[in-house]
Amino acid sequence: MLQVRDLRTNILKPASFSLSARECIAVRGPSGAGKTLLLRAIADLDPNEGLVTLNGRDRSTIAGPEWRRLVGYVPAEPGWWADTVGEHFGEWTAALPFVRDLGLPEESKAWPITRLSTGERLRLALIRALMVRPKVLLIDEPTAALDAASVAAVESLIGTRIRAGLAVLWVTHDAQQAKRVAHRLLVVGGGQVREEVHEWPATSP
């Protein structure tokens, strides 16, 4: 589905890999190694060079907003531009199944953004991204600020979407989480992106 060939930035050396539908690749490496930069380069949010295609379509032939709808990116610190949660969702009713799955109350629609905890912001940003129905989801530490129950809920929800056809690139510092959610592993370090030679079967979250 997603093909990356010689993708490079001023920090990252050329990286090449592919990501299939119904597959999750974990991305690991030390802080500052370039994991976030890799996701942002794929999403075409930062200057980069190389070939990126989705289902055979060259990224350069797709308008930026359309590319970022097809290849959704959820940063570690999501942005919010309106005062309340509901204003960030086109149709709250359609979001409710996700809201419930992630342990948030229905009335969170009316919450001001300023009252949200970091974990609530992360979960709502993930829902916001899934609502657009991307083909590929790039997620940067989506469970970093969550308690164990919320981590399990996020892993379960994304696991369900993967089985339904979503392709996911998941940055995580948690080696055990990588083993739970991912089929393969990319390691970022020293400006290089390399795939670990071993694979493990992703267990159902």
N, C-alpha and C. Protein backbone atom coordinates (compact mmCIF):
# COMPACT_ATOMS: atom_id res chain seq x y z
N MET A 1 0.83 -1.20 0.00
CA MET A 1 0.00 0.00 0.00
C MET A 1 0.87 1.26 0.00
N LEU A 2 1.66 1.46 1.08
CA LEU A 2 2.56 2.62 1.15
C LEU A 2 3.97 2.18 0.81
N GLN A 3 4.56 2.82 -0.18
CA GLN A 3 5.93 2.51 -0.58
C GLN A 3 6.80 3.74 -0.34
N VAL A 4 7.87 3.57 0.39
CA VAL A 4 8.81 4.66 0.68
C VAL A 4 10.16 4.27 0.09
N ARG A 5 10.69 5.11 -0.78
CA ARG A 5 11.96 4.81 -1.44
C ARG A 5 12.89 6.01 -1.34
N ASP A 6 14.02 5.79 -0.68
CA ASP A 6 15.07 6.82 -0.54
C ASP A 6 14.52 8.12 0.03
N LEU A 7 13.63 8.01 1.00
CA LEU A 7 13.10 9.20 1.67
C LEU A 7 14.19 9.76 2.57
N ARG A 8 14.48 11.03 2.43
CA ARG A 8 15.56 11.62 3.21
C ARG A 8 15.24 13.08 3.56
N THR A 9 15.87 13.53 4.63
CA THR A 9 15.76 14.92 5.07
C THR A 9 17.17 15.41 5.39
N ASN A 10 17.27 16.61 5.93
CA ASN A 10 18.60 17.10 6.29
C ASN A 10 19.19 16.34 7.47
N ILE A 11 18.37 15.54 8.15
CA ILE A 11 18.85 14.74 9.28
C ILE A 11 18.83 13.25 8.97
N LEU A 12 17.76 12.79 8.32
CA LEU A 12 17.62 11.36 8.03
C LEU A 12 18.29 10.99 6.72
N LYS A 13 19.09 9.93 6.77
CA LYS A 13 19.68 9.36 5.56
C LYS A 13 18.59 8.63 4.77
N PRO A 14 18.81 8.34 3.49
CA PRO A 14 17.78 7.69 2.67
C PRO A 14 17.20 6.44 3.34
N ALA A 15 15.88 6.39 3.41
CA ALA A 15 15.18 5.26 4.03
C ALA A 15 14.20 4.67 3.03
N SER A 16 14.13 3.36 3.01
CA SER A 16 13.22 2.66 2.10
C SER A 16 12.53 1.53 2.85
N PHE A 17 11.22 1.47 2.72
CA PHE A 17 10.44 0.37 3.29
C PHE A 17 9.04 0.42 2.70
N SER A 18 8.28 -0.63 2.94
CA SER A 18 6.90 -0.67 2.48
C SER A 18 6.00 -1.04 3.65
N LEU A 19 4.75 -0.62 3.56
CA LEU A 19 3.75 -0.89 4.58
C LEU A 19 2.48 -1.35 3.89
N SER A 20 2.00 -2.51 4.27
CA SER A 20 0.84 -3.09 3.60
C SER A 20 -0.45 -2.80 4.36
N ALA A 21 -1.57 -2.95 3.68
CA ALA A 21 -2.86 -2.89 4.36
C ALA A 21 -2.93 -4.00 5.40
N ARG A 22 -3.62 -3.72 6.50
CA ARG A 22 -3.74 -4.67 7.62
C ARG A 22 -2.40 -5.00 8.25
N GLU A 23 -1.49 -4.02 8.24
CA GLU A 23 -0.17 -4.23 8.84
C GLU A 23 0.18 -3.04 9.73
N CYS A 24 0.88 -3.32 10.82
CA CYS A 24 1.39 -2.28 11.70
C CYS A 24 2.90 -2.45 11.83
N ILE A 25 3.63 -1.36 11.60
CA ILE A 25 5.07 -1.35 11.82
C ILE A 25 5.34 -0.44 13.01
N ALA A 26 6.05 -0.96 14.01
CA ALA A 26 6.48 -0.14 15.14
C ALA A 26 7.77 0.59 14.77
N VAL A 27 7.90 1.81 15.26
CA VAL A 27 9.10 2.61 15.04
C VAL A 27 9.70 2.92 16.41
N ARG A 28 10.94 2.49 16.61
CA ARG A 28 11.59 2.70 17.90
C ARG A 28 12.96 3.34 17.70
N GLY A 29 13.50 3.86 18.78
CA GLY A 29 14.80 4.50 18.74
C GLY A 29 14.90 5.51 19.87
N PRO A 30 16.10 5.98 20.18
CA PRO A 30 16.28 6.93 21.29
C PRO A 30 15.62 8.27 20.99
N SER A 31 15.38 9.03 22.05
CA SER A 31 14.81 10.37 21.88
C SER A 31 15.72 11.22 21.01
N GLY A 32 15.11 11.96 20.10
CA GLY A 32 15.88 12.83 19.21
C GLY A 32 16.50 12.14 18.03
N ALA A 33 16.19 10.85 17.84
CA ALA A 33 16.82 10.09 16.75
C ALA A 33 16.22 10.42 15.39
N GLY A 34 14.99 10.93 15.39
CA GLY A 34 14.35 11.27 14.12
C GLY A 34 13.07 10.51 13.83
N LYS A 35 12.50 9.87 14.85
CA LYS A 35 11.26 9.10 14.64
C LYS A 35 10.12 10.01 14.20
N THR A 36 9.95 11.12 14.91
CA THR A 36 8.91 12.08 14.55
C THR A 36 9.19 12.67 13.17
N LEU A 37 10.44 12.96 12.90
CA LEU A 37 10.82 13.52 11.61
C LEU A 37 10.46 12.57 10.47
N LEU A 38 10.62 11.27 10.71
CA LEU A 38 10.26 10.28 9.70
C LEU A 38 8.76 10.35 9.40
N LEU A 39 7.93 10.40 10.43
CA LEU A 39 6.49 10.48 10.21
C LEU A 39 6.11 11.77 9.49
N ARG A 40 6.71 12.87 9.91
CA ARG A 40 6.38 14.16 9.30
C ARG A 40 6.84 14.23 7.84
N ALA A 41 7.94 13.55 7.54
CA ALA A 41 8.41 13.52 6.15
C ALA A 41 7.45 12.71 5.28
N ILE A 42 6.97 11.58 5.80
CA ILE A 42 6.00 10.77 5.04
C ILE A 42 4.71 11.57 4.82
N ALA A 43 4.29 12.30 5.86
CA ALA A 43 3.07 13.12 5.75
C ALA A 43 3.31 14.37 4.90
N ASP A 44 4.56 14.62 4.52
CA ASP A 44 4.95 15.77 3.70
C ASP A 44 4.71 17.09 4.43
N LEU A 45 5.01 17.08 5.72
CA LEU A 45 4.85 18.28 6.54
C LEU A 45 6.17 19.03 6.71
N ASP A 46 7.29 18.37 6.45
CA ASP A 46 8.61 18.99 6.53
C ASP A 46 9.34 18.76 5.20
N PRO A 47 10.34 19.60 4.89
CA PRO A 47 11.10 19.40 3.65
C PRO A 47 11.70 17.99 3.59
N ASN A 48 11.53 17.32 2.46
CA ASN A 48 12.08 15.98 2.29
C ASN A 48 12.24 15.69 0.81
N GLU A 49 13.02 14.66 0.52
CA GLU A 49 13.21 14.20 -0.85
C GLU A 49 13.01 12.70 -0.88
N GLY A 50 12.73 12.18 -2.05
CA GLY A 50 12.52 10.75 -2.20
C GLY A 50 11.16 10.46 -2.79
N LEU A 51 10.90 9.18 -2.98
CA LEU A 51 9.66 8.74 -3.60
C LEU A 51 8.75 8.10 -2.56
N VAL A 52 7.53 8.60 -2.47
CA VAL A 52 6.53 8.01 -1.59
C VAL A 52 5.27 7.78 -2.42
N THR A 53 4.77 6.56 -2.44
CA THR A 53 3.57 6.26 -3.21
C THR A 53 2.55 5.56 -2.32
N LEU A 54 1.28 5.75 -2.66
CA LEU A 54 0.18 5.09 -1.97
C LEU A 54 -0.67 4.39 -3.02
N ASN A 55 -0.72 3.08 -2.92
CA ASN A 55 -1.44 2.27 -3.92
C ASN A 55 -1.01 2.64 -5.34
N GLY A 56 0.28 2.85 -5.52
CA GLY A 56 0.84 3.12 -6.82
C GLY A 56 0.78 4.58 -7.25
N ARG A 57 0.13 5.43 -6.48
CA ARG A 57 0.05 6.86 -6.82
C ARG A 57 1.19 7.62 -6.17
N ASP A 58 1.93 8.34 -6.99
CA ASP A 58 3.05 9.14 -6.50
C ASP A 58 2.51 10.31 -5.66
N ARG A 59 3.09 10.47 -4.49
CA ARG A 59 2.65 11.54 -3.60
C ARG A 59 2.69 12.92 -4.28
N SER A 60 3.66 13.11 -5.17
CA SER A 60 3.81 14.42 -5.82
C SER A 60 2.64 14.76 -6.75
N THR A 61 1.81 13.77 -7.07
CA THR A 61 0.66 14.02 -7.95
C THR A 61 -0.63 14.26 -7.16
N ILE A 62 -0.53 14.23 -5.84
CA ILE A 62 -1.70 14.36 -4.98
C ILE A 62 -1.59 15.66 -4.19
N ALA A 63 -2.65 16.45 -4.18
CA ALA A 63 -2.65 17.71 -3.44
C ALA A 63 -2.40 17.45 -1.95
N GLY A 64 -1.69 18.37 -1.30
CA GLY A 64 -1.32 18.20 0.10
C GLY A 64 -2.46 17.84 1.03
N PRO A 65 -3.57 18.59 1.02
CA PRO A 65 -4.69 18.26 1.91
C PRO A 65 -5.26 16.86 1.66
N GLU A 66 -5.32 16.44 0.39
CA GLU A 66 -5.81 15.11 0.06
C GLU A 66 -4.84 14.04 0.54
N TRP A 67 -3.54 14.29 0.37
CA TRP A 67 -2.53 13.34 0.86
C TRP A 67 -2.66 13.14 2.36
N ARG A 68 -2.85 14.23 3.08
CA ARG A 68 -2.92 14.13 4.54
C ARG A 68 -4.26 13.58 5.01
N ARG A 69 -5.26 13.52 4.13
CA ARG A 69 -6.48 12.79 4.45
C ARG A 69 -6.27 11.29 4.28
N LEU A 70 -5.55 10.93 3.23
CA LEU A 70 -5.26 9.52 2.96
C LEU A 70 -4.23 8.95 3.91
N VAL A 71 -3.25 9.78 4.25
CA VAL A 71 -2.16 9.39 5.15
C VAL A 71 -2.25 10.29 6.38
N GLY A 72 -3.02 9.84 7.37
CA GLY A 72 -3.28 10.66 8.55
C GLY A 72 -2.11 10.65 9.52
N TYR A 73 -1.86 11.79 10.13
CA TYR A 73 -0.75 11.93 11.08
C TYR A 73 -1.29 12.45 12.40
N VAL A 74 -0.99 11.73 13.48
CA VAL A 74 -1.38 12.16 14.82
C VAL A 74 -0.11 12.44 15.61
N PRO A 75 0.22 13.73 15.82
CA PRO A 75 1.46 14.07 16.53
C PRO A 75 1.37 13.77 18.01
N ALA A 76 2.52 13.78 18.67
CA ALA A 76 2.55 13.54 20.11
C ALA A 76 1.86 14.66 20.87
N GLU A 77 1.85 15.87 20.29
CA GLU A 77 1.15 17.00 20.90
C GLU A 77 0.17 17.56 19.87
N PRO A 78 -1.04 17.01 19.82
CA PRO A 78 -2.01 17.40 18.80
C PRO A 78 -2.41 18.87 18.90
N GLY A 79 -2.72 19.45 17.76
CA GLY A 79 -3.14 20.85 17.72
C GLY A 79 -4.65 20.98 17.87
N TRP A 80 -5.07 22.08 18.47
CA TRP A 80 -6.50 22.38 18.64
C TRP A 80 -6.71 23.84 18.27
N TRP A 81 -7.74 24.12 17.49
CA TRP A 81 -7.91 25.47 16.96
C TRP A 81 -9.23 26.12 17.39
N ALA A 82 -10.12 25.37 18.01
CA ALA A 82 -11.39 25.92 18.47
C ALA A 82 -11.49 25.75 19.99
N ASP A 83 -12.53 26.30 20.58
CA ASP A 83 -12.62 26.34 22.04
C ASP A 83 -13.10 25.05 22.67
N THR A 84 -13.99 24.30 21.97
CA THR A 84 -14.57 23.10 22.57
C THR A 84 -14.23 21.86 21.74
N VAL A 85 -14.37 20.71 22.37
CA VAL A 85 -14.07 19.44 21.70
C VAL A 85 -14.94 19.26 20.46
N GLY A 86 -16.24 19.48 20.61
CA GLY A 86 -17.18 19.19 19.53
C GLY A 86 -16.92 19.96 18.26
N GLU A 87 -16.33 21.15 18.39
CA GLU A 87 -16.06 21.97 17.21
C GLU A 87 -15.00 21.36 16.30
N HIS A 88 -14.28 20.37 16.80
CA HIS A 88 -13.23 19.73 16.02
C HIS A 88 -13.73 18.49 15.28
N PHE A 89 -15.02 18.22 15.41
CA PHE A 89 -15.59 17.03 14.78
C PHE A 89 -16.76 17.45 13.90
N GLY A 90 -16.75 16.97 12.67
CA GLY A 90 -17.84 17.30 11.75
C GLY A 90 -19.17 16.75 12.21
N GLU A 91 -19.14 15.51 12.70
CA GLU A 91 -20.39 14.87 13.14
C GLU A 91 -20.10 14.07 14.40
N TRP A 92 -20.50 14.61 15.55
CA TRP A 92 -20.19 13.99 16.83
C TRP A 92 -20.86 12.62 16.96
N THR A 93 -22.06 12.47 16.40
CA THR A 93 -22.78 11.19 16.50
C THR A 93 -21.94 10.07 15.89
N ALA A 94 -21.29 10.35 14.77
CA ALA A 94 -20.46 9.33 14.13
C ALA A 94 -19.21 9.03 14.94
N ALA A 95 -18.78 9.99 15.76
CA ALA A 95 -17.57 9.78 16.57
C ALA A 95 -17.87 9.00 17.84
N LEU A 96 -19.15 8.93 18.23
CA LEU A 96 -19.49 8.36 19.54
C LEU A 96 -19.01 6.93 19.75
N PRO A 97 -19.08 6.03 18.75
CA PRO A 97 -18.55 4.68 19.00
C PRO A 97 -17.08 4.70 19.41
N PHE A 98 -16.29 5.54 18.74
CA PHE A 98 -14.87 5.66 19.10
C PHE A 98 -14.71 6.28 20.49
N VAL A 99 -15.54 7.29 20.76
CA VAL A 99 -15.48 7.96 22.06
C VAL A 99 -15.73 6.96 23.18
N ARG A 100 -16.75 6.14 23.00
CA ARG A 100 -17.07 5.13 24.03
C ARG A 100 -15.97 4.09 24.14
N ASP A 101 -15.45 3.65 22.99
CA ASP A 101 -14.40 2.63 23.00
C ASP A 101 -13.18 3.09 23.78
N LEU A 102 -12.91 4.39 23.74
CA LEU A 102 -11.72 4.92 24.41
C LEU A 102 -12.01 5.47 25.80
N GLY A 103 -13.18 5.15 26.32
CA GLY A 103 -13.48 5.45 27.72
C GLY A 103 -13.77 6.91 28.01
N LEU A 104 -14.22 7.65 27.00
CA LEU A 104 -14.58 9.05 27.20
C LEU A 104 -16.09 9.20 27.25
N PRO A 105 -16.62 10.13 28.04
CA PRO A 105 -18.08 10.30 28.13
C PRO A 105 -18.63 11.04 26.91
N GLU A 106 -19.90 10.78 26.60
CA GLU A 106 -20.53 11.44 25.47
C GLU A 106 -20.53 12.96 25.62
N GLU A 107 -20.65 13.41 26.88
CA GLU A 107 -20.73 14.86 27.11
C GLU A 107 -19.39 15.56 26.92
N SER A 108 -18.34 14.81 26.61
CA SER A 108 -17.05 15.46 26.36
C SER A 108 -17.11 16.37 25.13
N LYS A 109 -18.15 16.21 24.32
CA LYS A 109 -18.34 17.11 23.17
C LYS A 109 -18.35 18.57 23.61
N ALA A 110 -18.91 18.86 24.77
CA ALA A 110 -19.06 20.24 25.23
C ALA A 110 -17.87 20.73 26.05
N TRP A 111 -16.92 19.85 26.30
CA TRP A 111 -15.79 20.25 27.13
C TRP A 111 -14.94 21.31 26.45
N PRO A 112 -14.49 22.33 27.20
CA PRO A 112 -13.50 23.25 26.63
C PRO A 112 -12.15 22.54 26.49
N ILE A 113 -11.43 22.87 25.45
CA ILE A 113 -10.13 22.24 25.22
C ILE A 113 -9.21 22.44 26.41
N THR A 114 -9.34 23.58 27.08
CA THR A 114 -8.43 23.90 28.20
C THR A 114 -8.58 22.96 29.38
N ARG A 115 -9.70 22.23 29.47
CA ARG A 115 -9.89 21.32 30.61
C ARG A 115 -9.37 19.91 30.33
N LEU A 116 -8.96 19.64 29.10
CA LEU A 116 -8.54 18.29 28.75
C LEU A 116 -7.17 17.96 29.33
N SER A 117 -7.04 16.76 29.85
CA SER A 117 -5.73 16.26 30.24
C SER A 117 -4.96 15.88 28.99
N THR A 118 -3.66 15.64 29.14
CA THR A 118 -2.85 15.22 28.00
C THR A 118 -3.39 13.93 27.40
N GLY A 119 -3.76 12.99 28.26
CA GLY A 119 -4.28 11.72 27.78
C GLY A 119 -5.59 11.87 27.03
N GLU A 120 -6.46 12.77 27.52
CA GLU A 120 -7.73 13.01 26.81
C GLU A 120 -7.48 13.64 25.45
N ARG A 121 -6.53 14.56 25.39
CA ARG A 121 -6.19 15.18 24.11
C ARG A 121 -5.69 14.15 23.11
N LEU A 122 -4.85 13.24 23.59
CA LEU A 122 -4.31 12.21 22.70
C LEU A 122 -5.42 11.31 22.16
N ARG A 123 -6.32 10.89 23.04
CA ARG A 123 -7.39 9.99 22.60
C ARG A 123 -8.35 10.69 21.63
N LEU A 124 -8.67 11.94 21.91
CA LEU A 124 -9.58 12.67 21.03
C LEU A 124 -8.92 12.97 19.68
N ALA A 125 -7.62 13.24 19.69
CA ALA A 125 -6.92 13.47 18.42
C ALA A 125 -6.89 12.20 17.58
N LEU A 126 -6.75 11.05 18.23
CA LEU A 126 -6.78 9.78 17.52
C LEU A 126 -8.16 9.56 16.89
N ILE A 127 -9.21 9.84 17.65
CA ILE A 127 -10.57 9.70 17.12
C ILE A 127 -10.75 10.64 15.92
N ARG A 128 -10.28 11.86 16.06
CA ARG A 128 -10.39 12.85 15.00
C ARG A 128 -9.73 12.34 13.71
N ALA A 129 -8.56 11.71 13.87
CA ALA A 129 -7.86 11.18 12.70
C ALA A 129 -8.60 10.00 12.09
N LEU A 130 -9.14 9.12 12.91
CA LEU A 130 -9.84 7.94 12.40
C LEU A 130 -11.14 8.32 11.69
N MET A 131 -11.75 9.41 12.11
CA MET A 131 -13.02 9.85 11.51
C MET A 131 -12.86 10.19 10.02
N VAL A 132 -11.66 10.57 9.62
CA VAL A 132 -11.41 10.94 8.22
C VAL A 132 -11.26 9.69 7.35
N ARG A 133 -11.15 8.52 7.97
CA ARG A 133 -10.99 7.24 7.30
C ARG A 133 -9.74 7.20 6.41
N PRO A 134 -8.58 7.41 7.00
CA PRO A 134 -7.33 7.35 6.21
C PRO A 134 -7.03 5.92 5.79
N LYS A 135 -6.21 5.79 4.76
CA LYS A 135 -5.71 4.48 4.35
C LYS A 135 -4.51 4.07 5.22
N VAL A 136 -3.71 5.08 5.59
CA VAL A 136 -2.52 4.88 6.41
C VAL A 136 -2.60 5.83 7.59
N LEU A 137 -2.22 5.35 8.77
CA LEU A 137 -2.22 6.19 9.97
C LEU A 137 -0.81 6.22 10.54
N LEU A 138 -0.29 7.43 10.73
CA LEU A 138 1.02 7.65 11.33
C LEU A 138 0.79 8.20 12.73
N ILE A 139 1.16 7.45 13.75
CA ILE A 139 0.87 7.87 15.12
C ILE A 139 2.14 7.92 15.95
N ASP A 140 2.30 9.03 16.68
CA ASP A 140 3.53 9.32 17.42
C ASP A 140 3.25 9.24 18.92
N GLU A 141 3.63 8.14 19.54
CA GLU A 141 3.46 7.93 20.98
C GLU A 141 2.01 8.20 21.42
N PRO A 142 1.02 7.53 20.81
CA PRO A 142 -0.37 7.85 21.12
C PRO A 142 -0.81 7.45 22.52
N THR A 143 -0.02 6.61 23.21
CA THR A 143 -0.42 6.16 24.55
C THR A 143 0.56 6.62 25.63
N ALA A 144 1.42 7.58 25.31
CA ALA A 144 2.50 7.96 26.23
C ALA A 144 1.98 8.47 27.57
N ALA A 145 0.83 9.15 27.58
CA ALA A 145 0.34 9.76 28.82
C ALA A 145 -0.87 9.03 29.40
N LEU A 146 -1.09 7.79 28.97
CA LEU A 146 -2.31 7.09 29.35
C LEU A 146 -2.07 6.06 30.45
N ASP A 147 -3.12 5.81 31.24
CA ASP A 147 -3.05 4.72 32.22
C ASP A 147 -3.22 3.38 31.50
N ALA A 148 -3.03 2.30 32.24
CA ALA A 148 -3.01 0.97 31.62
C ALA A 148 -4.32 0.64 30.91
N ALA A 149 -5.46 1.02 31.52
CA ALA A 149 -6.75 0.71 30.90
C ALA A 149 -6.93 1.48 29.59
N SER A 150 -6.50 2.73 29.58
CA SER A 150 -6.63 3.54 28.35
C SER A 150 -5.67 3.06 27.28
N VAL A 151 -4.47 2.63 27.68
CA VAL A 151 -3.53 2.05 26.72
C VAL A 151 -4.15 0.84 26.04
N ALA A 152 -4.75 -0.04 26.85
CA ALA A 152 -5.37 -1.24 26.31
C ALA A 152 -6.51 -0.88 25.36
N ALA A 153 -7.27 0.16 25.70
CA ALA A 153 -8.39 0.57 24.85
C ALA A 153 -7.90 1.10 23.51
N VAL A 154 -6.83 1.91 23.53
CA VAL A 154 -6.26 2.44 22.28
C VAL A 154 -5.71 1.30 21.43
N GLU A 155 -4.97 0.39 22.04
CA GLU A 155 -4.41 -0.74 21.29
C GLU A 155 -5.52 -1.59 20.68
N SER A 156 -6.60 -1.79 21.42
CA SER A 156 -7.71 -2.60 20.92
C SER A 156 -8.39 -1.92 19.74
N LEU A 157 -8.65 -0.61 19.87
CA LEU A 157 -9.32 0.12 18.81
C LEU A 157 -8.48 0.13 17.53
N ILE A 158 -7.20 0.44 17.67
CA ILE A 158 -6.35 0.48 16.47
C ILE A 158 -6.19 -0.93 15.89
N GLY A 159 -6.10 -1.92 16.76
CA GLY A 159 -6.02 -3.29 16.28
C GLY A 159 -7.23 -3.68 15.44
N THR A 160 -8.40 -3.23 15.87
CA THR A 160 -9.63 -3.49 15.11
C THR A 160 -9.58 -2.81 13.75
N ARG A 161 -9.10 -1.57 13.72
CA ARG A 161 -9.00 -0.85 12.45
C ARG A 161 -7.98 -1.49 11.53
N ILE A 162 -6.88 -2.00 12.09
CA ILE A 162 -5.88 -2.69 11.27
C ILE A 162 -6.49 -3.93 10.62
N ARG A 163 -7.23 -4.70 11.40
CA ARG A 163 -7.85 -5.91 10.84
C ARG A 163 -8.88 -5.56 9.77
N ALA A 164 -9.41 -4.34 9.82
CA ALA A 164 -10.38 -3.89 8.81
C ALA A 164 -9.70 -3.30 7.58
N GLY A 165 -8.35 -3.22 7.59
CA GLY A 165 -7.65 -2.77 6.39
C GLY A 165 -6.71 -1.61 6.56
N LEU A 166 -6.70 -0.97 7.74
CA LEU A 166 -5.83 0.18 7.96
C LEU A 166 -4.37 -0.25 8.04
N ALA A 167 -3.48 0.58 7.51
CA ALA A 167 -2.03 0.38 7.65
C ALA A 167 -1.52 1.41 8.64
N VAL A 168 -0.68 0.99 9.59
CA VAL A 168 -0.27 1.88 10.70
C VAL A 168 1.24 1.88 10.87
N LEU A 169 1.79 3.08 11.03
CA LEU A 169 3.18 3.26 11.45
C LEU A 169 3.12 3.88 12.84
N TRP A 170 3.61 3.16 13.83
CA TRP A 170 3.35 3.49 15.24
C TRP A 170 4.68 3.72 15.97
N VAL A 171 4.95 4.96 16.33
CA VAL A 171 6.14 5.28 17.12
C VAL A 171 5.85 4.97 18.58
N THR A 172 6.72 4.18 19.20
CA THR A 172 6.56 3.85 20.62
C THR A 172 7.92 3.65 21.27
N HIS A 173 8.02 4.06 22.53
CA HIS A 173 9.24 3.79 23.31
C HIS A 173 9.12 2.45 24.05
N ASP A 174 7.95 1.86 24.04
CA ASP A 174 7.65 0.66 24.83
C ASP A 174 7.88 -0.60 24.00
N ALA A 175 8.93 -1.34 24.33
CA ALA A 175 9.26 -2.54 23.57
C ALA A 175 8.14 -3.57 23.65
N GLN A 176 7.51 -3.68 24.81
CA GLN A 176 6.43 -4.66 24.95
C GLN A 176 5.21 -4.25 24.13
N GLN A 177 4.93 -2.95 24.08
CA GLN A 177 3.84 -2.50 23.23
C GLN A 177 4.13 -2.81 21.77
N ALA A 178 5.36 -2.57 21.34
CA ALA A 178 5.73 -2.87 19.95
C ALA A 178 5.44 -4.33 19.63
N LYS A 179 5.75 -5.22 20.56
CA LYS A 179 5.51 -6.64 20.32
C LYS A 179 4.01 -6.96 20.30
N ARG A 180 3.24 -6.20 21.09
CA ARG A 180 1.80 -6.46 21.13
C ARG A 180 1.10 -6.00 19.85
N VAL A 181 1.50 -4.85 19.33
CA VAL A 181 0.70 -4.23 18.26
C VAL A 181 1.26 -4.41 16.87
N ALA A 182 2.58 -4.67 16.75
CA ALA A 182 3.21 -4.57 15.44
C ALA A 182 3.59 -5.91 14.85
N HIS A 183 3.65 -5.94 13.53
CA HIS A 183 4.10 -7.11 12.79
C HIS A 183 5.60 -7.03 12.49
N ARG A 184 6.10 -5.80 12.37
CA ARG A 184 7.52 -5.58 12.04
C ARG A 184 8.02 -4.38 12.83
N LEU A 185 9.34 -4.17 12.78
CA LEU A 185 9.96 -3.12 13.57
C LEU A 185 10.97 -2.34 12.75
N LEU A 186 10.83 -1.00 12.77
CA LEU A 186 11.84 -0.12 12.23
C LEU A 186 12.58 0.55 13.39
N VAL A 187 13.89 0.64 13.29
CA VAL A 187 14.70 1.29 14.31
C VAL A 187 15.36 2.51 13.70
N VAL A 188 15.19 3.66 14.38
CA VAL A 188 15.78 4.91 13.91
C VAL A 188 16.92 5.27 14.84
N GLY A 189 18.08 5.54 14.28
CA GLY A 189 19.24 5.90 15.09
C GLY A 189 20.38 6.37 14.22
N GLY A 190 21.09 7.39 14.67
CA GLY A 190 22.22 7.89 13.91
C GLY A 190 21.85 8.38 12.53
N GLY A 191 20.61 8.86 12.40
CA GLY A 191 20.16 9.36 11.11
C GLY A 191 19.73 8.28 10.14
N GLN A 192 19.79 7.02 10.57
CA GLN A 192 19.43 5.91 9.69
C GLN A 192 18.15 5.24 10.15
N VAL A 193 17.40 4.74 9.19
CA VAL A 193 16.18 3.97 9.45
C VAL A 193 16.42 2.57 8.93
N ARG A 194 16.36 1.60 9.81
CA ARG A 194 16.62 0.22 9.37
C ARG A 194 15.54 -0.70 9.95
N GLU A 195 15.27 -1.75 9.22
CA GLU A 195 14.31 -2.73 9.71
C GLU A 195 15.04 -3.83 10.46
N GLU A 196 14.53 -4.17 11.61
CA GLU A 196 15.08 -5.30 12.36
C GLU A 196 14.86 -6.57 11.56
N VAL A 197 15.83 -7.45 11.56
CA VAL A 197 15.74 -8.63 10.71
C VAL A 197 14.69 -9.62 11.20
N HIS A 198 14.47 -9.65 12.51
CA HIS A 198 13.48 -10.62 13.01
C HIS A 198 12.10 -10.02 12.95
N GLU A 199 11.11 -10.87 12.88
CA GLU A 199 9.71 -10.45 12.90
C GLU A 199 9.02 -11.19 14.04
N TRP A 200 7.94 -10.64 14.46
CA TRP A 200 7.11 -11.33 15.44
C TRP A 200 5.66 -11.18 15.02
N PRO A 201 4.83 -12.16 15.37
CA PRO A 201 3.41 -12.02 15.02
C PRO A 201 2.73 -11.05 15.98
N ALA A 202 1.97 -10.12 15.45
CA ALA A 202 1.22 -9.19 16.31
C ALA A 202 0.08 -9.95 16.95
N THR A 203 0.02 -9.88 18.26
CA THR A 203 -1.10 -10.49 18.96
C THR A 203 -2.29 -9.55 18.88
N SER A 204 -3.47 -10.09 18.99
CA SER A 204 -4.65 -9.24 18.94
C SER A 204 -4.75 -8.47 20.24
N PRO A 205 -4.74 -7.12 20.18
CA PRO A 205 -4.80 -6.33 21.41
C PRO A 205 -6.12 -6.56 22.13
